[in-house]
Structures are given as C-alpha cells and as structure tokens.
Amino acid sequence: MTVYEKMRSGQLYFATDEALIAKQAQCLELQYEYNLTRPTEWERRWELLTKMFAEVGEGTYIEPPLHANWAGHHVHLGRDVYFNFNVTLVDDTDIYIGDNTMVGPNCVIATAGHPICPEIRARGGQYNVPVHIGNNCWLGAGVIVLPGVTIGDNTVVGAGSVVTKDLPANVVAAGNPCRILREIGERDREFYYKDKKIADCDLS
C-alpha cells in the first residue's frame, strides 16, 4: 500500500513522504490561482473549482479565500453548496457535503488527527477519518467539525460550535462541545427570527 493509499484509508502514516508532498503541491497551485481570481471572474472560478474538487455540483459557490490541505481534491460537494469567506478544509481524506448546505465564514472541517504518542507525532504521524455533512444544513460562523463526524440533513449548527460527535437530522445544535438544543419544528416554519413571521415577508 502506498503512503497516499494509507492517507485515504484511516491507517497511521507519515505525512513527510516526498512523493505525497509533491502531489499535494500540485493541488495547492490551483487553490492559489483560485484565491487570486477577481470578483467578476465567475467562469474562471468555476473552471478552477471543477479541477480542484473531487465533485462539485451545479450552482455551488465558494468565496475566496479558501484554505484546504489538498485544495478540495478529496471533497465531494453537492448542488448549490455555499462557502462563505475563509473556510478551512483539512481534506487529507474525504469530506462529503450535500445539496443546499451553507458553510459560514471561518469554519473548519477537519479529517486529520495525530497520535497522542509524542514519539510517533514527532515523526509526522497522522491518520484521517472522513466527514459527512448532509443536505440543507447550515453551519454558522466559526463552526469546527472534527474528524469522523456525521451531520444529518437539515441540521443547523450554531456559530462557534465545536462538533465532536455525530448530529442527527432535523435538529438545532450548538456549544463546545456541540449538543442538541432542540428539534426543528412547526414554529420554525412560522417564524424566521425571534417574533418575526415568515408570512409577513414578500417571498415572491
């Protein structure tokens, strides 16, 4: 098994491998180009995204700057995904994000971990576990999602939360560590913010 295959498999490996570093550098060149694009260069941005990411669905948009270990090379994005400014993806293995999901500014989604054993860690030891985020989720500003976490469809994660464990579908969760506050319910279909009613808005 190659070091690259170990990196993707969850096994312990050493990220100091020269061939791995060279492959990663090629990906990062594309990310560098993306982050230097002008705001009106829509076509160029889309062209680069389709080269950078493992999958990118129609209508997906990422605000530069984006910071990703592999420039999205192991990231699978659904349709109409939106990343706000300064998102960080530690994408040493797969990150899956479903349709219509919004990721707020300064969020971190990480797949990488390092052994507690100091001798192995000093040698560059690392392991990676995939992250799965469902359809129609919203991660508020500054959310951190740790390796191996799954977040179910429609779930909202409050700003500044650190998601250390799986979250089911259709809940509002927040905190450090992140905890479920409540289920999404009928009141959420009536009010969009505190006492402000959806019905009072012109949604045409």
N, C-alpha and C. Protein backbone atom coordinates (compact mmCIF):
# COMPACT_ATOMS: atom_id res chain seq x y z
N MET A 1 0.85 -1.20 0.00
CA MET A 1 0.00 0.00 0.00
C MET A 1 0.89 1.25 0.00
N THR A 2 0.58 2.19 -0.89
CA THR A 2 1.36 3.42 -0.96
C THR A 2 1.01 4.33 0.21
N VAL A 3 1.84 5.34 0.45
CA VAL A 3 1.56 6.31 1.51
C VAL A 3 0.26 7.06 1.20
N TYR A 4 0.03 7.37 -0.07
CA TYR A 4 -1.21 8.04 -0.45
C TYR A 4 -2.43 7.18 -0.12
N GLU A 5 -2.34 5.88 -0.39
CA GLU A 5 -3.44 4.96 -0.07
C GLU A 5 -3.65 4.87 1.44
N LYS A 6 -2.56 4.84 2.19
CA LYS A 6 -2.68 4.84 3.66
C LYS A 6 -3.38 6.10 4.14
N MET A 7 -3.03 7.22 3.53
CA MET A 7 -3.62 8.50 3.90
C MET A 7 -5.13 8.48 3.76
N ARG A 8 -5.61 7.79 2.75
CA ARG A 8 -7.05 7.74 2.48
C ARG A 8 -7.77 6.66 3.28
N SER A 9 -7.03 5.72 3.88
CA SER A 9 -7.63 4.52 4.45
C SER A 9 -7.92 4.58 5.93
N GLY A 10 -7.44 5.62 6.62
CA GLY A 10 -7.59 5.69 8.06
C GLY A 10 -6.42 5.11 8.82
N GLN A 11 -5.46 4.52 8.11
CA GLN A 11 -4.28 3.98 8.76
C GLN A 11 -3.32 5.08 9.18
N LEU A 12 -2.49 4.75 10.15
CA LEU A 12 -1.42 5.65 10.55
C LEU A 12 -0.36 5.70 9.45
N TYR A 13 0.09 6.92 9.12
CA TYR A 13 1.12 7.10 8.09
C TYR A 13 1.94 8.33 8.45
N PHE A 14 2.97 8.58 7.64
CA PHE A 14 3.83 9.73 7.89
C PHE A 14 3.70 10.72 6.75
N ALA A 15 3.23 11.91 7.07
CA ALA A 15 2.92 12.93 6.07
C ALA A 15 4.17 13.60 5.51
N THR A 16 5.34 13.15 5.93
CA THR A 16 6.59 13.72 5.45
C THR A 16 7.09 13.07 4.16
N ASP A 17 6.33 12.11 3.65
CA ASP A 17 6.72 11.41 2.41
C ASP A 17 6.87 12.41 1.25
N GLU A 18 7.99 12.36 0.55
CA GLU A 18 8.30 13.35 -0.50
C GLU A 18 7.33 13.28 -1.68
N ALA A 19 6.96 12.06 -2.09
CA ALA A 19 6.02 11.90 -3.20
C ALA A 19 4.65 12.49 -2.84
N LEU A 20 4.25 12.30 -1.58
CA LEU A 20 2.97 12.84 -1.12
C LEU A 20 3.00 14.37 -1.12
N ILE A 21 4.09 14.94 -0.67
CA ILE A 21 4.23 16.40 -0.63
C ILE A 21 4.19 16.98 -2.04
N ALA A 22 4.83 16.30 -2.98
CA ALA A 22 4.84 16.79 -4.37
C ALA A 22 3.45 16.76 -4.99
N LYS A 23 2.70 15.68 -4.71
CA LYS A 23 1.33 15.57 -5.25
C LYS A 23 0.44 16.64 -4.65
N GLN A 24 0.60 16.87 -3.37
CA GLN A 24 -0.19 17.90 -2.69
C GLN A 24 0.11 19.28 -3.25
N ALA A 25 1.37 19.54 -3.53
CA ALA A 25 1.77 20.86 -4.04
C ALA A 25 1.10 21.17 -5.36
N GLN A 26 0.91 20.17 -6.22
CA GLN A 26 0.22 20.38 -7.49
C GLN A 26 -1.21 20.86 -7.27
N CYS A 27 -1.87 20.26 -6.28
CA CYS A 27 -3.24 20.67 -5.96
C CYS A 27 -3.27 22.10 -5.42
N LEU A 28 -2.31 22.43 -4.59
CA LEU A 28 -2.30 23.74 -3.95
C LEU A 28 -2.03 24.87 -4.94
N GLU A 29 -1.38 24.56 -6.04
CA GLU A 29 -1.18 25.57 -7.08
C GLU A 29 -2.53 26.06 -7.62
N LEU A 30 -3.49 25.15 -7.79
CA LEU A 30 -4.82 25.53 -8.27
C LEU A 30 -5.54 26.39 -7.23
N GLN A 31 -5.41 26.02 -5.97
CA GLN A 31 -6.03 26.82 -4.91
C GLN A 31 -5.46 28.23 -4.88
N TYR A 32 -4.17 28.34 -5.06
CA TYR A 32 -3.52 29.65 -5.11
C TYR A 32 -4.13 30.50 -6.23
N GLU A 33 -4.31 29.89 -7.40
CA GLU A 33 -4.92 30.60 -8.52
C GLU A 33 -6.35 31.04 -8.18
N TYR A 34 -7.10 30.14 -7.57
CA TYR A 34 -8.50 30.44 -7.23
C TYR A 34 -8.57 31.65 -6.29
N ASN A 35 -7.71 31.67 -5.30
CA ASN A 35 -7.76 32.75 -4.31
C ASN A 35 -7.31 34.09 -4.88
N LEU A 36 -6.68 34.09 -6.04
CA LEU A 36 -6.24 35.32 -6.68
C LEU A 36 -7.21 35.82 -7.76
N THR A 37 -8.30 35.07 -7.99
CA THR A 37 -9.25 35.49 -9.01
C THR A 37 -9.96 36.78 -8.59
N ARG A 38 -10.37 37.55 -9.60
CA ARG A 38 -11.11 38.77 -9.35
C ARG A 38 -12.59 38.44 -9.13
N PRO A 39 -13.33 39.29 -8.42
CA PRO A 39 -14.73 39.02 -8.11
C PRO A 39 -15.62 38.76 -9.33
N THR A 40 -15.27 39.35 -10.47
CA THR A 40 -16.10 39.19 -11.67
C THR A 40 -15.70 38.00 -12.54
N GLU A 41 -14.70 37.26 -12.13
CA GLU A 41 -14.20 36.14 -12.94
C GLU A 41 -14.97 34.85 -12.61
N TRP A 42 -16.27 34.88 -12.83
CA TRP A 42 -17.14 33.75 -12.48
C TRP A 42 -16.75 32.48 -13.23
N GLU A 43 -16.53 32.59 -14.53
CA GLU A 43 -16.23 31.41 -15.33
C GLU A 43 -14.89 30.79 -14.92
N ARG A 44 -13.91 31.64 -14.67
CA ARG A 44 -12.61 31.14 -14.24
C ARG A 44 -12.71 30.44 -12.90
N ARG A 45 -13.46 31.01 -11.97
CA ARG A 45 -13.64 30.38 -10.67
C ARG A 45 -14.29 29.00 -10.81
N TRP A 46 -15.32 28.92 -11.63
CA TRP A 46 -16.00 27.63 -11.81
C TRP A 46 -15.05 26.60 -12.45
N GLU A 47 -14.29 27.04 -13.42
CA GLU A 47 -13.33 26.16 -14.09
C GLU A 47 -12.33 25.59 -13.07
N LEU A 48 -11.83 26.45 -12.19
CA LEU A 48 -10.87 26.01 -11.19
C LEU A 48 -11.51 25.08 -10.16
N LEU A 49 -12.73 25.39 -9.74
CA LEU A 49 -13.41 24.53 -8.77
C LEU A 49 -13.58 23.11 -9.31
N THR A 50 -13.94 23.00 -10.58
CA THR A 50 -14.14 21.66 -11.16
C THR A 50 -12.83 20.89 -11.27
N LYS A 51 -11.72 21.60 -11.31
CA LYS A 51 -10.41 20.93 -11.31
C LYS A 51 -9.95 20.60 -9.90
N MET A 52 -10.27 21.46 -8.95
CA MET A 52 -9.78 21.32 -7.58
C MET A 52 -10.50 20.22 -6.81
N PHE A 53 -11.84 20.16 -6.94
CA PHE A 53 -12.64 19.30 -6.08
C PHE A 53 -12.89 17.93 -6.70
N ALA A 54 -13.06 16.93 -5.84
CA ALA A 54 -13.39 15.59 -6.32
C ALA A 54 -14.73 15.60 -7.04
N GLU A 55 -15.70 16.32 -6.47
CA GLU A 55 -17.01 16.52 -7.10
C GLU A 55 -17.49 17.91 -6.71
N VAL A 56 -18.13 18.60 -7.65
CA VAL A 56 -18.71 19.90 -7.35
C VAL A 56 -20.01 20.04 -8.13
N GLY A 57 -21.12 20.18 -7.41
CA GLY A 57 -22.43 20.22 -8.04
C GLY A 57 -22.75 21.57 -8.63
N GLU A 58 -23.67 21.57 -9.56
CA GLU A 58 -24.10 22.80 -10.23
C GLU A 58 -24.61 23.82 -9.22
N GLY A 59 -24.25 25.08 -9.42
CA GLY A 59 -24.72 26.15 -8.55
C GLY A 59 -23.90 26.35 -7.29
N THR A 60 -22.88 25.54 -7.09
CA THR A 60 -22.04 25.68 -5.90
C THR A 60 -21.12 26.88 -6.04
N TYR A 61 -20.92 27.61 -4.93
CA TYR A 61 -20.08 28.80 -4.97
C TYR A 61 -19.25 28.89 -3.69
N ILE A 62 -17.98 29.22 -3.85
CA ILE A 62 -17.05 29.34 -2.71
C ILE A 62 -16.40 30.72 -2.75
N GLU A 63 -16.59 31.47 -1.67
CA GLU A 63 -15.97 32.79 -1.56
C GLU A 63 -14.48 32.62 -1.25
N PRO A 64 -13.60 33.22 -2.03
CA PRO A 64 -12.19 33.23 -1.63
C PRO A 64 -12.01 34.14 -0.41
N PRO A 65 -10.99 33.90 0.43
CA PRO A 65 -10.02 32.83 0.28
C PRO A 65 -10.52 31.50 0.85
N LEU A 66 -10.15 30.44 0.18
CA LEU A 66 -10.36 29.07 0.64
C LEU A 66 -9.01 28.53 1.07
N HIS A 67 -9.00 27.80 2.18
CA HIS A 67 -7.77 27.15 2.65
C HIS A 67 -8.07 25.66 2.80
N ALA A 68 -7.39 24.85 2.03
CA ALA A 68 -7.60 23.41 2.10
C ALA A 68 -6.27 22.69 1.91
N ASN A 69 -6.02 21.69 2.73
CA ASN A 69 -4.75 20.95 2.65
C ASN A 69 -4.46 20.42 1.26
N TRP A 70 -5.54 19.93 0.61
CA TRP A 70 -5.41 19.36 -0.74
C TRP A 70 -6.26 20.13 -1.74
N ALA A 71 -6.59 21.36 -1.44
CA ALA A 71 -7.34 22.23 -2.36
C ALA A 71 -8.68 21.65 -2.77
N GLY A 72 -9.26 20.81 -1.90
CA GLY A 72 -10.55 20.20 -2.21
C GLY A 72 -10.46 18.90 -2.99
N HIS A 73 -9.26 18.39 -3.18
CA HIS A 73 -9.05 17.19 -4.01
C HIS A 73 -9.83 15.99 -3.51
N HIS A 74 -10.12 15.95 -2.22
CA HIS A 74 -10.86 14.83 -1.62
C HIS A 74 -12.23 15.26 -1.10
N VAL A 75 -12.73 16.38 -1.62
CA VAL A 75 -14.00 16.94 -1.13
C VAL A 75 -15.08 16.78 -2.19
N HIS A 76 -16.25 16.29 -1.75
CA HIS A 76 -17.37 16.00 -2.64
C HIS A 76 -18.52 16.94 -2.28
N LEU A 77 -18.81 17.88 -3.16
CA LEU A 77 -19.83 18.89 -2.90
C LEU A 77 -21.06 18.64 -3.77
N GLY A 78 -22.24 18.75 -3.16
CA GLY A 78 -23.49 18.61 -3.89
C GLY A 78 -23.84 19.88 -4.65
N ARG A 79 -25.11 20.00 -5.03
CA ARG A 79 -25.59 21.17 -5.77
C ARG A 79 -25.86 22.33 -4.82
N ASP A 80 -25.60 23.55 -5.31
CA ASP A 80 -25.96 24.78 -4.60
C ASP A 80 -25.37 24.84 -3.18
N VAL A 81 -24.18 24.33 -3.03
CA VAL A 81 -23.44 24.49 -1.77
C VAL A 81 -22.82 25.88 -1.74
N TYR A 82 -22.81 26.52 -0.58
CA TYR A 82 -22.21 27.85 -0.45
C TYR A 82 -21.22 27.86 0.71
N PHE A 83 -19.99 28.30 0.43
CA PHE A 83 -18.98 28.54 1.46
C PHE A 83 -18.77 30.05 1.55
N ASN A 84 -18.87 30.58 2.75
CA ASN A 84 -18.54 31.99 2.96
C ASN A 84 -17.01 32.13 3.10
N PHE A 85 -16.55 33.35 3.38
CA PHE A 85 -15.12 33.63 3.37
C PHE A 85 -14.34 32.80 4.39
N ASN A 86 -13.12 32.42 3.98
CA ASN A 86 -12.11 31.92 4.91
C ASN A 86 -12.44 30.56 5.50
N VAL A 87 -13.10 29.70 4.75
CA VAL A 87 -13.34 28.32 5.19
C VAL A 87 -12.05 27.53 5.06
N THR A 88 -11.80 26.67 6.05
CA THR A 88 -10.63 25.79 6.05
C THR A 88 -11.09 24.34 5.99
N LEU A 89 -10.56 23.60 5.02
CA LEU A 89 -10.85 22.17 4.87
C LEU A 89 -9.56 21.40 5.08
N VAL A 90 -9.50 20.61 6.12
CA VAL A 90 -8.37 19.71 6.31
C VAL A 90 -8.75 18.41 5.61
N ASP A 91 -8.55 18.41 4.30
CA ASP A 91 -9.13 17.37 3.43
C ASP A 91 -8.11 16.31 3.02
N ASP A 92 -7.42 15.75 4.03
CA ASP A 92 -6.47 14.68 3.73
C ASP A 92 -7.17 13.37 3.39
N THR A 93 -8.45 13.27 3.72
CA THR A 93 -9.31 12.22 3.17
C THR A 93 -10.67 12.85 2.88
N ASP A 94 -11.67 12.03 2.61
CA ASP A 94 -12.92 12.52 2.02
C ASP A 94 -13.77 13.35 2.98
N ILE A 95 -14.29 14.45 2.44
CA ILE A 95 -15.33 15.25 3.07
C ILE A 95 -16.50 15.26 2.10
N TYR A 96 -17.69 14.89 2.58
CA TYR A 96 -18.90 14.86 1.77
C TYR A 96 -19.87 15.92 2.30
N ILE A 97 -20.33 16.80 1.42
CA ILE A 97 -21.27 17.85 1.80
C ILE A 97 -22.43 17.83 0.80
N GLY A 98 -23.66 17.72 1.32
CA GLY A 98 -24.83 17.53 0.48
C GLY A 98 -25.36 18.81 -0.14
N ASP A 99 -26.43 18.66 -0.91
CA ASP A 99 -27.04 19.77 -1.64
C ASP A 99 -27.54 20.86 -0.69
N ASN A 100 -27.44 22.12 -1.15
CA ASN A 100 -28.04 23.28 -0.48
C ASN A 100 -27.49 23.55 0.93
N THR A 101 -26.32 23.05 1.21
CA THR A 101 -25.72 23.29 2.53
C THR A 101 -24.91 24.57 2.51
N MET A 102 -25.02 25.35 3.60
CA MET A 102 -24.30 26.62 3.74
C MET A 102 -23.26 26.49 4.84
N VAL A 103 -22.05 26.93 4.54
CA VAL A 103 -20.94 26.89 5.50
C VAL A 103 -20.50 28.33 5.76
N GLY A 104 -20.62 28.77 6.99
CA GLY A 104 -20.37 30.16 7.34
C GLY A 104 -18.90 30.53 7.32
N PRO A 105 -18.61 31.83 7.48
CA PRO A 105 -17.23 32.29 7.45
C PRO A 105 -16.41 31.70 8.59
N ASN A 106 -15.13 31.44 8.30
CA ASN A 106 -14.17 30.97 9.29
C ASN A 106 -14.48 29.59 9.87
N CYS A 107 -15.26 28.80 9.15
CA CYS A 107 -15.49 27.42 9.59
C CYS A 107 -14.29 26.54 9.27
N VAL A 108 -14.14 25.48 10.06
CA VAL A 108 -13.09 24.48 9.84
C VAL A 108 -13.75 23.10 9.80
N ILE A 109 -13.49 22.36 8.73
CA ILE A 109 -13.94 20.97 8.64
C ILE A 109 -12.69 20.12 8.49
N ALA A 110 -12.41 19.29 9.49
CA ALA A 110 -11.13 18.59 9.56
C ALA A 110 -11.32 17.08 9.53
N THR A 111 -10.48 16.41 8.74
CA THR A 111 -10.45 14.95 8.72
C THR A 111 -9.22 14.38 9.40
N ALA A 112 -8.24 15.20 9.70
CA ALA A 112 -6.93 14.71 10.15
C ALA A 112 -6.81 14.68 11.67
N GLY A 113 -6.14 13.64 12.15
CA GLY A 113 -5.78 13.53 13.56
C GLY A 113 -4.33 13.10 13.68
N HIS A 114 -3.78 13.29 14.87
CA HIS A 114 -2.40 12.91 15.14
C HIS A 114 -2.35 12.08 16.41
N PRO A 115 -1.47 11.08 16.48
CA PRO A 115 -1.41 10.23 17.66
C PRO A 115 -1.05 11.02 18.93
N ILE A 116 -1.58 10.59 20.04
CA ILE A 116 -1.22 11.19 21.32
C ILE A 116 0.23 10.86 21.66
N CYS A 117 0.70 9.70 21.23
CA CYS A 117 2.08 9.27 21.49
C CYS A 117 3.06 10.30 20.94
N PRO A 118 3.85 10.96 21.79
CA PRO A 118 4.69 12.06 21.32
C PRO A 118 5.78 11.63 20.35
N GLU A 119 6.31 10.41 20.50
CA GLU A 119 7.39 9.98 19.61
C GLU A 119 6.88 9.78 18.18
N ILE A 120 5.70 9.19 18.02
CA ILE A 120 5.13 9.00 16.68
C ILE A 120 4.71 10.33 16.08
N ARG A 121 4.16 11.20 16.93
CA ARG A 121 3.73 12.51 16.45
C ARG A 121 4.92 13.35 15.98
N ALA A 122 6.06 13.23 16.67
CA ALA A 122 7.26 13.97 16.30
C ALA A 122 7.81 13.53 14.94
N ARG A 123 7.49 12.32 14.54
CA ARG A 123 7.94 11.81 13.23
C ARG A 123 6.98 12.18 12.11
N GLY A 124 5.91 12.93 12.42
CA GLY A 124 4.94 13.32 11.41
C GLY A 124 3.79 12.35 11.26
N GLY A 125 3.55 11.54 12.28
CA GLY A 125 2.46 10.56 12.22
C GLY A 125 1.10 11.22 12.14
N GLN A 126 0.24 10.65 11.32
CA GLN A 126 -1.10 11.22 11.09
C GLN A 126 -2.05 10.10 10.68
N TYR A 127 -3.35 10.31 10.91
CA TYR A 127 -4.40 9.43 10.39
C TYR A 127 -5.58 10.32 10.03
N ASN A 128 -6.44 9.84 9.14
CA ASN A 128 -7.54 10.67 8.64
C ASN A 128 -8.84 9.89 8.62
N VAL A 129 -9.92 10.54 9.03
CA VAL A 129 -11.23 9.90 9.09
C VAL A 129 -12.24 10.80 8.37
N PRO A 130 -13.04 10.25 7.44
CA PRO A 130 -13.96 11.07 6.64
C PRO A 130 -15.00 11.81 7.48
N VAL A 131 -15.49 12.92 6.92
CA VAL A 131 -16.58 13.72 7.50
C VAL A 131 -17.74 13.70 6.51
N HIS A 132 -18.97 13.56 7.02
CA HIS A 132 -20.18 13.57 6.19
C HIS A 132 -21.13 14.64 6.72
N ILE A 133 -21.51 15.57 5.86
CA ILE A 133 -22.49 16.62 6.20
C ILE A 133 -23.63 16.50 5.20
N GLY A 134 -24.84 16.47 5.68
CA GLY A 134 -25.99 16.15 4.84
C GLY A 134 -26.48 17.29 3.97
N ASN A 135 -27.68 17.09 3.42
CA ASN A 135 -28.34 18.09 2.58
C ASN A 135 -28.96 19.20 3.44
N ASN A 136 -28.93 20.42 2.93
CA ASN A 136 -29.69 21.54 3.51
C ASN A 136 -29.29 21.84 4.95
N CYS A 137 -28.01 21.66 5.26
CA CYS A 137 -27.51 22.02 6.58
C CYS A 137 -27.02 23.47 6.57
N TRP A 138 -26.85 24.02 7.77
CA TRP A 138 -26.28 25.35 7.92
C TRP A 138 -25.30 25.31 9.07
N LEU A 139 -24.02 25.57 8.77
CA LEU A 139 -23.00 25.71 9.80
C LEU A 139 -22.75 27.20 10.00
N GLY A 140 -23.05 27.72 11.19
CA GLY A 140 -22.85 29.13 11.47
C GLY A 140 -21.38 29.50 11.49
N ALA A 141 -21.11 30.78 11.60
CA ALA A 141 -19.74 31.29 11.55
C ALA A 141 -18.87 30.63 12.62
N GLY A 142 -17.67 30.23 12.21
CA GLY A 142 -16.69 29.73 13.16
C GLY A 142 -16.92 28.33 13.68
N VAL A 143 -17.79 27.57 13.05
CA VAL A 143 -18.02 26.18 13.48
C VAL A 143 -16.80 25.33 13.14
N ILE A 144 -16.45 24.42 14.04
CA ILE A 144 -15.38 23.45 13.82
C ILE A 144 -15.98 22.06 13.84
N VAL A 145 -15.75 21.30 12.77
CA VAL A 145 -16.24 19.92 12.67
C VAL A 145 -15.02 19.01 12.70
N LEU A 146 -14.99 18.09 13.66
CA LEU A 146 -13.83 17.24 13.87
C LEU A 146 -13.89 15.95 13.05
N PRO A 147 -12.76 15.25 12.92
CA PRO A 147 -12.71 14.04 12.09
C PRO A 147 -13.73 12.99 12.49
N GLY A 148 -14.30 12.33 11.48
CA GLY A 148 -15.21 11.22 11.69
C GLY A 148 -16.65 11.60 11.98
N VAL A 149 -16.96 12.90 12.04
CA VAL A 149 -18.31 13.36 12.39
C VAL A 149 -19.25 13.23 11.19
N THR A 150 -20.50 12.86 11.48
CA THR A 150 -21.59 12.89 10.51
C THR A 150 -22.68 13.84 11.02
N ILE A 151 -23.14 14.73 10.15
CA ILE A 151 -24.23 15.66 10.48
C ILE A 151 -25.38 15.38 9.54
N GLY A 152 -26.57 15.14 10.09
CA GLY A 152 -27.73 14.74 9.30
C GLY A 152 -28.37 15.90 8.54
N ASP A 153 -29.26 15.54 7.62
CA ASP A 153 -29.94 16.53 6.77
C ASP A 153 -30.67 17.59 7.59
N ASN A 154 -30.65 18.82 7.07
CA ASN A 154 -31.42 19.96 7.60
C ASN A 154 -30.92 20.51 8.93
N THR A 155 -29.91 19.93 9.50
CA THR A 155 -29.46 20.34 10.83
C THR A 155 -28.73 21.68 10.78
N VAL A 156 -28.98 22.50 11.80
CA VAL A 156 -28.36 23.81 11.96
C VAL A 156 -27.39 23.75 13.14
N VAL A 157 -26.15 24.19 12.91
CA VAL A 157 -25.14 24.21 13.97
C VAL A 157 -24.79 25.65 14.27
N GLY A 158 -24.98 26.06 15.52
CA GLY A 158 -24.80 27.45 15.92
C GLY A 158 -23.36 27.93 15.82
N ALA A 159 -23.20 29.22 15.63
CA ALA A 159 -21.89 29.84 15.46
C ALA A 159 -20.96 29.49 16.62
N GLY A 160 -19.70 29.22 16.27
CA GLY A 160 -18.68 28.96 17.29
C GLY A 160 -18.70 27.58 17.88
N SER A 161 -19.56 26.70 17.40
CA SER A 161 -19.66 25.36 17.97
C SER A 161 -18.49 24.48 17.55
N VAL A 162 -18.16 23.52 18.41
CA VAL A 162 -17.15 22.51 18.11
C VAL A 162 -17.85 21.16 18.10
N VAL A 163 -18.00 20.60 16.89
CA VAL A 163 -18.78 19.37 16.72
C VAL A 163 -17.83 18.18 16.86
N THR A 164 -17.93 17.50 17.99
CA THR A 164 -17.04 16.37 18.29
C THR A 164 -17.70 15.02 18.05
N LYS A 165 -19.04 15.01 17.97
CA LYS A 165 -19.79 13.75 17.80
C LYS A 165 -20.87 13.94 16.74
N ASP A 166 -21.40 12.83 16.24
CA ASP A 166 -22.44 12.87 15.21
C ASP A 166 -23.66 13.65 15.69
N LEU A 167 -24.30 14.33 14.74
CA LEU A 167 -25.57 15.01 14.99
C LEU A 167 -26.62 14.42 14.06
N PRO A 168 -27.84 14.15 14.55
CA PRO A 168 -28.87 13.59 13.69
C PRO A 168 -29.47 14.65 12.77
N ALA A 169 -30.37 14.24 11.91
CA ALA A 169 -31.08 15.16 11.03
C ALA A 169 -32.09 15.99 11.82
N ASN A 170 -32.40 17.17 11.28
CA ASN A 170 -33.53 17.99 11.74
C ASN A 170 -33.42 18.47 13.19
N VAL A 171 -32.21 18.90 13.57
CA VAL A 171 -32.05 19.48 14.91
C VAL A 171 -31.29 20.79 14.82
N VAL A 172 -31.42 21.58 15.89
CA VAL A 172 -30.58 22.75 16.12
C VAL A 172 -29.61 22.37 17.23
N ALA A 173 -28.31 22.58 16.99
CA ALA A 173 -27.29 22.19 17.95
C ALA A 173 -26.28 23.31 18.09
N ALA A 174 -25.67 23.41 19.27
CA ALA A 174 -24.68 24.47 19.49
C ALA A 174 -23.84 24.13 20.71
N GLY A 175 -22.70 24.82 20.83
CA GLY A 175 -21.89 24.72 22.02
C GLY A 175 -20.54 24.07 21.79
N ASN A 176 -19.75 24.04 22.85
CA ASN A 176 -18.43 23.41 22.84
C ASN A 176 -18.28 22.58 24.12
N PRO A 177 -18.42 21.25 23.98
CA PRO A 177 -18.72 20.51 22.75
C PRO A 177 -20.17 20.72 22.32
N CYS A 178 -20.41 20.55 21.01
CA CYS A 178 -21.72 20.81 20.44
C CYS A 178 -22.75 19.81 20.97
N ARG A 179 -23.92 20.34 21.37
CA ARG A 179 -25.00 19.49 21.89
C ARG A 179 -26.31 19.86 21.19
N ILE A 180 -27.20 18.91 21.11
CA ILE A 180 -28.52 19.16 20.53
C ILE A 180 -29.32 20.04 21.47
N LEU A 181 -29.85 21.15 20.95
CA LEU A 181 -30.69 22.04 21.74
C LEU A 181 -32.16 21.68 21.61
N ARG A 182 -32.56 21.38 20.37
CA ARG A 182 -33.96 21.04 20.14
C ARG A 182 -34.12 20.51 18.73
N GLU A 183 -35.29 19.94 18.47
CA GLU A 183 -35.63 19.53 17.11
C GLU A 183 -36.17 20.73 16.33
N ILE A 184 -35.99 20.71 15.03
CA ILE A 184 -36.63 21.70 14.17
C ILE A 184 -38.12 21.38 14.12
N GLY A 185 -38.97 22.40 14.38
CA GLY A 185 -40.39 22.12 14.50
C GLY A 185 -41.27 23.09 13.74
N GLU A 186 -42.57 23.07 14.06
CA GLU A 186 -43.55 23.89 13.36
C GLU A 186 -43.31 25.38 13.57
N ARG A 187 -42.82 25.75 14.74
CA ARG A 187 -42.57 27.17 14.99
C ARG A 187 -41.54 27.73 14.01
N ASP A 188 -40.58 26.88 13.61
CA ASP A 188 -39.55 27.31 12.66
C ASP A 188 -40.12 27.55 11.27
N ARG A 189 -41.29 26.96 11.01
CA ARG A 189 -41.96 27.18 9.73
C ARG A 189 -42.86 28.41 9.76
N GLU A 190 -43.03 28.98 10.97
CA GLU A 190 -43.85 30.18 11.13
C GLU A 190 -43.00 31.43 11.36
N PHE A 191 -41.92 31.27 12.12
CA PHE A 191 -41.06 32.41 12.47
C PHE A 191 -39.66 32.18 11.92
N TYR A 192 -39.09 33.23 11.32
CA TYR A 192 -37.73 33.09 10.80
C TYR A 192 -36.68 33.66 11.74
N TYR A 193 -37.09 34.56 12.66
CA TYR A 193 -36.16 35.14 13.63
C TYR A 193 -36.96 35.72 14.79
N LYS A 194 -36.76 35.17 15.97
CA LYS A 194 -37.47 35.61 17.17
C LYS A 194 -38.97 35.68 16.90
N ASP A 195 -39.57 36.91 16.94
CA ASP A 195 -41.02 37.03 16.74
C ASP A 195 -41.38 37.48 15.33
N LYS A 196 -40.43 37.41 14.40
CA LYS A 196 -40.67 37.86 13.04
C LYS A 196 -41.23 36.71 12.20
N LYS A 197 -42.43 36.94 11.61
CA LYS A 197 -43.13 35.87 10.90
C LYS A 197 -42.74 35.80 9.44
N ILE A 198 -42.59 34.57 8.97
CA ILE A 198 -42.33 34.32 7.56
C ILE A 198 -43.48 34.85 6.70
N ALA A 199 -44.69 34.69 7.20
CA ALA A 199 -45.88 35.09 6.46
C ALA A 199 -45.93 36.60 6.20
N ASP A 200 -45.21 37.37 7.00
CA ASP A 200 -45.21 38.83 6.83
C ASP A 200 -44.23 39.30 5.76
N CYS A 201 -43.47 38.36 5.19
CA CYS A 201 -42.43 38.72 4.20
C CYS A 201 -42.95 38.52 2.77
N ASP A 202 -42.48 39.35 1.90
CA ASP A 202 -42.77 39.18 0.48
C ASP A 202 -41.72 38.24 -0.10
N LEU A 203 -42.09 36.99 -0.33
CA LEU A 203 -41.15 35.97 -0.80
C LEU A 203 -41.28 35.73 -2.29
N SER A 204 -41.91 36.65 -2.99
CA SER A 204 -42.09 36.49 -4.44
C SER A 204 -40.77 36.72 -5.17
